[in-house]
Amino acid sequence: MSRSKKETPADGRIPPLNALKAFEAAARRLNITRAAEELSVTPGAISQQIRILEQHAGAPLFHREGRQIALTELGAELYPLLHDGFDYLKRAGDLLYRPNRRHALAISVPPSFAVKWLAPRIARFSAAHPEVEVWMSADMRLADVGGGRVDVAVRYGRGDYVGVRSERLLSADVIPVCSPVLLAGKHPLKRPDDLAHHALIHLRPGDLEEPRPDWPTWLSARRLDHLDASAGPRFDQTALAIEAAAYGQGVALAPYAFVAGDLASGRLVAPFADGALSTELAYHVLTKRSGVSEPARAFVRWMKSEAHAAEQRTDDL
């Protein structure tokens, strides 16, 4: 059956989209029922849309033999064009509706690291890389770095994380810190022995923080086991312990990296010149093993530079 010149569409005219979709699905599956299931319509609706398209074409698009269908010469010519066209439309839709992460950076860091180390510095990264939008999540849950949900993560521990690239970032060595008000009064804090007159602020190991050096360890290293290391308030985050110390509630053990700013401003003091206690644990930066984005690489380089500068200042204690 040849096409009728009377029914031939004018140049540039596009047949109904629903008819095109119905034909493409039926031609791809060579089954009216399956095409109807795919498009969530009835088989009758698919057949009707194909008839509409055939009216526009002025010729049949399928040979029908019972329940079996096969493409005519015109249908076989039309199908790959429509298949590719709908594929391009789908890809265009994916591009339009996909979150724009080209310059987005998702990072996951421990809460205390976020509050006491990263937050005071993050403006410097943003100033150097205004094209990168940083989304920060503060938690200790395992971050999906390998799966791509998180671009960069920081974790406290030994650095032996499976399936990701791990680089040591920052020392977690601790020092005693307190409010300047504890250096005066009836029992001024001048020597480690003076801790007997002050509350010791403890970090209680929990879901948010891995174990770190505690007061019994610190006192034992200085042969001060006779002092009571059990009393005092307990917190499950280092940042909270630091804040309690700043408000004069006692003496806290904290990573120097977390209190460097407070020490520089005078909000906190380190009462003992030899107060540092080393630990084999540290903060590590985690990224994917391969395919790391340029914003993620830039962020890691920046963090390592900041960490190097911070650790150099440790010698000033």
Protein backbone atom coordinates (compact mmCIF):
# COMPACT_ATOMS: atom_id res chain seq x y z
CA MET A 1 0.00 0.00 0.00
CA SER A 2 1.58 3.29 -1.05
CA ARG A 3 1.28 6.50 0.89
CA SER A 4 -1.46 8.88 -0.16
CA LYS A 5 -0.12 12.27 -1.18
CA LYS A 6 -3.17 13.83 0.43
CA GLU A 7 -2.27 12.36 3.83
CA THR A 8 1.45 13.19 3.69
CA PRO A 9 2.28 15.68 6.50
CA ALA A 10 3.73 19.04 5.60
CA ASP A 11 7.45 19.54 6.10
CA GLY A 12 8.34 20.11 9.76
CA ARG A 13 5.11 18.69 11.10
CA ILE A 14 5.56 16.20 13.97
CA PRO A 15 3.02 13.38 14.53
CA PRO A 16 1.43 13.04 18.00
CA LEU A 17 4.00 12.13 20.66
CA ASN A 18 1.78 9.45 22.23
CA ALA A 19 1.46 7.73 18.87
CA LEU A 20 5.23 7.82 18.38
CA LYS A 21 5.82 6.39 21.86
CA ALA A 22 3.29 3.62 21.33
CA PHE A 23 4.84 2.65 17.99
CA GLU A 24 8.41 2.69 19.39
CA ALA A 25 7.49 0.45 22.33
CA ALA A 26 5.56 -1.98 20.12
CA ALA A 27 8.30 -2.07 17.49
CA ARG A 28 10.99 -2.66 20.09
CA ARG A 29 9.12 -5.53 21.74
CA LEU A 30 7.15 -6.73 18.67
CA ASN A 31 4.33 -7.33 21.12
CA ILE A 32 1.32 -5.06 21.69
CA THR A 33 0.57 -6.41 25.18
CA ARG A 34 4.12 -5.90 26.47
CA ALA A 35 4.24 -2.43 24.99
CA ALA A 36 0.99 -1.62 26.80
CA GLU A 37 2.43 -2.89 30.11
CA GLU A 38 5.54 -0.77 29.64
CA LEU A 39 3.51 2.40 29.04
CA SER A 40 0.84 1.54 31.64
CA VAL A 41 -2.04 1.61 29.14
CA THR A 42 -4.32 -1.01 27.58
CA PRO A 43 -3.39 -3.00 24.45
CA GLY A 44 -6.36 -1.33 22.76
CA ALA A 45 -4.85 2.09 23.45
CA ILE A 46 -1.55 1.01 21.88
CA SER A 47 -3.33 -0.28 18.78
CA GLN A 48 -5.33 2.94 18.49
CA GLN A 49 -2.19 5.10 18.69
CA ILE A 50 -0.49 2.96 16.04
CA ARG A 51 -3.51 3.40 13.74
CA ILE A 52 -3.28 7.17 14.24
CA LEU A 53 0.37 7.09 13.24
CA GLU A 54 -0.40 4.91 10.23
CA GLN A 55 -3.00 7.48 9.15
CA HIS A 56 -0.30 10.16 9.30
CA ALA A 57 2.07 7.89 7.37
CA GLY A 58 -0.51 6.87 4.80
CA ALA A 59 0.79 3.30 4.98
CA PRO A 60 0.87 0.40 7.46
CA LEU A 61 3.74 0.13 9.93
CA PHE A 62 3.15 -3.48 10.99
CA HIS A 63 2.21 -6.76 9.34
CA ARG A 64 -0.33 -8.49 11.55
CA GLU A 65 -0.73 -12.25 11.57
CA GLY A 66 -3.01 -13.24 14.44
CA ARG A 67 -1.32 -12.06 17.64
CA GLN A 68 2.08 -11.78 15.96
CA ILE A 69 3.26 -8.50 14.50
CA ALA A 70 6.23 -7.65 12.28
CA LEU A 71 7.51 -4.35 10.97
CA THR A 72 6.77 -3.33 7.42
CA GLU A 73 9.49 -1.78 5.31
CA LEU A 74 8.34 1.68 6.40
CA GLY A 75 8.08 0.60 10.05
CA ALA A 76 11.60 -0.86 9.95
CA GLU A 77 12.87 2.44 8.53
CA LEU A 78 11.05 4.51 11.13
CA TYR A 79 11.84 2.46 14.25
CA PRO A 80 15.62 3.14 14.68
CA LEU A 81 15.07 6.87 14.22
CA LEU A 82 12.43 6.95 16.94
CA HIS A 83 14.41 4.61 19.21
CA ASP A 84 17.46 6.87 19.03
CA GLY A 85 15.28 9.95 19.40
CA PHE A 86 13.62 8.74 22.58
CA ASP A 87 17.01 7.64 23.93
CA TYR A 88 18.35 11.17 23.42
CA LEU A 89 15.25 12.60 25.09
CA LYS A 90 15.75 10.31 28.08
CA ARG A 91 19.39 11.31 28.37
CA ALA A 92 18.39 14.96 28.14
CA GLY A 93 15.85 14.42 30.91
CA ASP A 94 18.46 12.72 33.10
CA LEU A 95 20.72 15.72 32.59
CA LEU A 96 17.97 18.19 33.47
CA TYR A 97 16.73 16.42 36.59
CA ARG A 98 20.05 15.15 37.91
CA PRO A 99 21.40 17.24 40.84
CA ASN A 100 24.10 19.52 39.55
CA ARG A 101 27.16 18.06 41.24
CA ARG A 102 29.71 19.25 38.71
CA HIS A 103 31.10 21.65 41.27
CA ALA A 104 29.46 20.22 44.39
CA LEU A 105 31.59 18.55 47.04
CA ALA A 106 30.10 16.26 49.69
CA ILE A 107 32.29 15.75 52.76
CA SER A 108 31.76 13.76 55.95
CA VAL A 109 33.72 14.57 59.11
CA PRO A 110 33.46 13.78 62.85
CA PRO A 111 31.40 16.32 64.83
CA SER A 112 34.25 17.65 66.96
CA PHE A 113 36.57 17.86 63.96
CA ALA A 114 33.89 19.84 62.14
CA VAL A 115 33.31 22.29 65.00
CA LYS A 116 36.83 22.80 66.36
CA TRP A 117 39.04 22.39 63.27
CA LEU A 118 37.25 22.55 59.94
CA ALA A 119 34.54 25.16 60.51
CA PRO A 120 36.98 27.94 61.54
CA ARG A 121 39.00 27.31 58.35
CA ILE A 122 36.45 26.43 55.66
CA ALA A 123 36.02 30.05 54.55
CA ARG A 124 39.63 30.02 53.34
CA PHE A 125 38.91 27.11 51.02
CA SER A 126 35.75 28.79 49.72
CA ALA A 127 37.68 31.99 49.04
CA ALA A 128 40.34 30.07 47.09
CA HIS A 129 37.78 27.91 45.24
CA PRO A 130 34.56 29.92 44.81
CA GLU A 131 33.45 27.52 42.08
CA VAL A 132 33.16 24.63 44.58
CA GLU A 133 30.07 24.29 46.79
CA VAL A 134 30.91 22.29 49.93
CA TRP A 135 28.21 20.21 51.61
CA MET A 136 29.38 19.09 55.05
CA SER A 137 27.91 16.24 57.08
CA ALA A 138 29.14 15.95 60.67
CA ASP A 139 28.87 12.35 61.87
CA MET A 140 30.93 9.28 62.72
CA ARG A 141 28.99 6.78 60.63
CA LEU A 142 30.86 4.97 57.90
CA ALA A 143 30.70 7.24 54.88
CA ASP A 144 30.01 5.84 51.40
CA VAL A 145 33.21 7.19 49.87
CA GLY A 146 33.80 4.24 47.57
CA GLY A 147 30.20 4.33 46.34
CA GLY A 148 30.39 8.02 45.48
CA ARG A 149 27.79 9.38 47.91
CA VAL A 150 30.58 11.21 49.76
CA ASP A 151 33.57 12.73 47.94
CA VAL A 152 35.88 13.20 50.95
CA ALA A 153 35.67 11.87 54.50
CA VAL A 154 37.79 12.42 57.61
CA ARG A 155 37.95 9.73 60.29
CA TYR A 156 39.82 9.27 63.55
CA GLY A 157 41.64 5.99 64.03
CA ARG A 158 44.55 3.94 62.70
CA GLY A 159 43.89 4.64 59.03
CA ASP A 160 43.31 1.01 58.07
CA TYR A 161 40.05 1.56 56.17
CA VAL A 162 38.99 -0.98 53.55
CA GLY A 163 38.13 -0.09 49.96
CA VAL A 164 39.26 3.56 50.06
CA ARG A 165 42.46 5.56 49.89
CA SER A 166 43.51 6.71 53.36
CA GLU A 167 46.09 9.43 54.08
CA ARG A 168 47.19 10.65 57.49
CA LEU A 169 45.99 14.19 57.95
CA LEU A 170 46.38 15.40 61.50
CA SER A 171 47.89 14.27 64.80
CA ALA A 172 45.51 13.53 67.64
CA ASP A 173 48.08 14.08 70.43
CA VAL A 174 46.33 15.58 73.46
CA ILE A 175 47.17 18.25 76.04
CA PRO A 176 45.42 19.43 79.23
CA VAL A 177 43.57 22.73 78.75
CA CYS A 178 41.50 24.92 81.04
CA SER A 179 40.09 28.39 81.50
CA PRO A 180 42.58 31.09 82.59
CA VAL A 181 40.53 31.52 85.76
CA LEU A 182 41.91 28.21 87.06
CA LEU A 183 45.41 29.72 87.16
CA ALA A 184 44.38 31.92 90.06
CA GLY A 185 42.27 31.57 93.18
CA LYS A 186 42.68 29.43 96.29
CA HIS A 187 44.27 26.53 94.41
CA PRO A 188 45.99 27.95 91.32
CA LEU A 189 46.79 25.36 88.69
CA LYS A 190 50.56 25.55 88.15
CA ARG A 191 51.88 21.98 88.40
CA PRO A 192 50.32 18.59 87.54
CA ASP A 193 50.00 17.87 91.29
CA ASP A 194 47.57 20.78 91.50
CA LEU A 195 45.04 18.74 89.50
CA ALA A 196 44.05 17.24 92.84
CA HIS A 197 42.09 20.46 93.51
CA HIS A 198 40.31 20.66 90.16
CA ALA A 199 37.70 18.65 88.30
CA LEU A 200 38.92 16.47 85.45
CA ILE A 201 36.69 16.57 82.40
CA HIS A 202 36.38 13.18 80.76
CA LEU A 203 35.51 12.01 77.27
CA ARG A 204 33.22 9.02 77.42
CA PRO A 205 33.84 6.66 74.48
CA GLY A 206 30.66 6.26 72.48
CA ASP A 207 29.20 6.12 69.00
CA LEU A 208 30.45 9.57 68.05
CA GLU A 209 34.09 9.31 69.15
CA GLU A 210 36.60 6.48 69.14
CA PRO A 211 38.66 6.00 72.34
CA ARG A 212 41.54 8.44 72.82
CA PRO A 213 44.08 8.98 75.63
CA ASP A 214 42.28 9.53 78.92
CA TRP A 215 43.14 11.00 82.31
CA PRO A 216 44.31 7.72 83.91
CA THR A 217 46.75 7.29 81.01
CA TRP A 218 47.96 10.89 81.26
CA LEU A 219 48.42 10.75 85.04
CA SER A 220 50.17 7.38 84.90
CA ALA A 221 52.66 8.71 82.34
CA ARG A 222 53.62 11.38 84.90
CA ARG A 223 53.64 9.02 87.90
CA LEU A 224 50.63 10.69 89.42
CA ASP A 225 48.58 7.53 89.91
CA HIS A 226 47.74 8.64 93.45
CA LEU A 227 45.45 11.35 92.08
CA ASP A 228 41.77 10.43 91.69
CA ALA A 229 41.08 10.21 87.95
CA SER A 230 37.55 8.89 88.24
CA ALA A 231 35.59 11.97 89.29
CA GLY A 232 34.41 14.74 87.02
CA PRO A 233 31.86 15.39 84.25
CA ARG A 234 31.77 13.18 81.17
CA PHE A 235 30.94 14.06 77.57
CA ASP A 236 30.60 11.97 74.42
CA GLN A 237 32.16 14.58 72.12
CA THR A 238 35.53 16.29 72.39
CA ALA A 239 34.05 19.65 71.40
CA LEU A 240 31.70 19.54 74.39
CA ALA A 241 34.55 18.73 76.78
CA ILE A 242 36.54 21.66 75.39
CA GLU A 243 33.62 24.03 75.86
CA ALA A 244 33.15 22.88 79.45
CA ALA A 245 36.82 23.62 80.11
CA ALA A 246 36.51 27.07 78.53
CA TYR A 247 33.65 27.84 80.92
CA GLY A 248 35.81 26.98 83.92
CA GLN A 249 34.18 23.62 84.69
CA GLY A 250 37.53 21.82 84.99
CA VAL A 251 40.51 20.59 82.97
CA ALA A 252 40.03 18.71 79.71
CA LEU A 253 42.36 16.58 77.59
CA ALA A 254 42.01 17.71 73.99
CA PRO A 255 43.88 17.37 70.70
CA TYR A 256 46.11 20.40 70.28
CA ALA A 257 44.76 20.87 66.76
CA PHE A 258 41.29 21.44 68.21
CA VAL A 259 42.31 24.02 70.81
CA ALA A 260 45.04 25.96 68.97
CA GLY A 261 42.65 28.81 68.16
CA ASP A 262 41.33 29.02 71.72
CA LEU A 263 44.88 28.98 73.07
CA ALA A 264 45.95 31.75 70.69
CA SER A 265 42.99 33.92 71.73
CA GLY A 266 43.52 33.29 75.44
CA ARG A 267 40.11 31.66 75.86
CA LEU A 268 41.96 28.53 76.99
CA VAL A 269 45.40 27.95 78.46
CA ALA A 270 47.70 24.93 78.54
CA PRO A 271 48.84 24.98 82.19
CA PHE A 272 51.75 22.54 81.83
CA ALA A 273 54.73 23.04 79.54
CA ASP A 274 55.23 19.28 79.17
CA GLY A 275 51.55 18.38 79.04
CA ALA A 276 51.39 16.74 75.59
CA LEU A 277 50.64 13.02 75.38
CA SER A 278 51.27 11.21 72.10
CA THR A 279 48.92 8.67 70.57
CA GLU A 280 49.29 6.29 67.64
CA LEU A 281 45.83 7.29 66.43
CA ALA A 282 45.30 10.23 64.09
CA TYR A 283 42.81 11.87 61.78
CA HIS A 284 42.88 10.48 58.25
CA VAL A 285 41.39 11.79 55.02
CA LEU A 286 39.58 9.22 52.87
CA THR A 287 38.83 9.33 49.15
CA LYS A 288 37.98 6.84 46.43
CA ARG A 289 40.84 4.70 45.14
CA SER A 290 40.37 6.09 41.62
CA GLY A 291 38.28 8.60 39.73
CA VAL A 292 38.59 11.35 42.35
CA SER A 293 37.06 14.61 41.10
CA GLU A 294 39.15 17.75 40.77
CA PRO A 295 37.13 19.57 43.51
CA ALA A 296 37.83 16.63 45.86
CA ARG A 297 41.54 16.68 45.02
CA ALA A 298 41.64 20.42 45.61
CA PHE A 299 39.91 20.03 48.98
CA VAL A 300 42.31 17.29 50.10
CA ARG A 301 45.32 19.39 49.06
CA TRP A 302 43.92 22.34 50.99
CA MET A 303 43.23 20.29 54.14
CA LYS A 304 46.72 18.77 54.07
CA SER A 305 48.22 22.24 53.75
CA GLU A 306 46.15 23.52 56.68
CA ALA A 307 47.05 20.45 58.75
CA HIS A 308 50.75 20.86 58.02
CA ALA A 309 50.64 24.48 59.15
CA ALA A 310 48.70 23.54 62.29
CA GLU A 311 51.14 20.80 63.27
CA GLN A 312 54.11 23.11 62.78
CA ARG A 313 52.59 25.41 65.41
CA THR A 314 52.54 22.53 67.91
CA ASP A 315 56.25 23.18 68.54
CA ASP A 316 55.31 26.55 70.03
CA LEU A 317 53.68 24.92 73.07
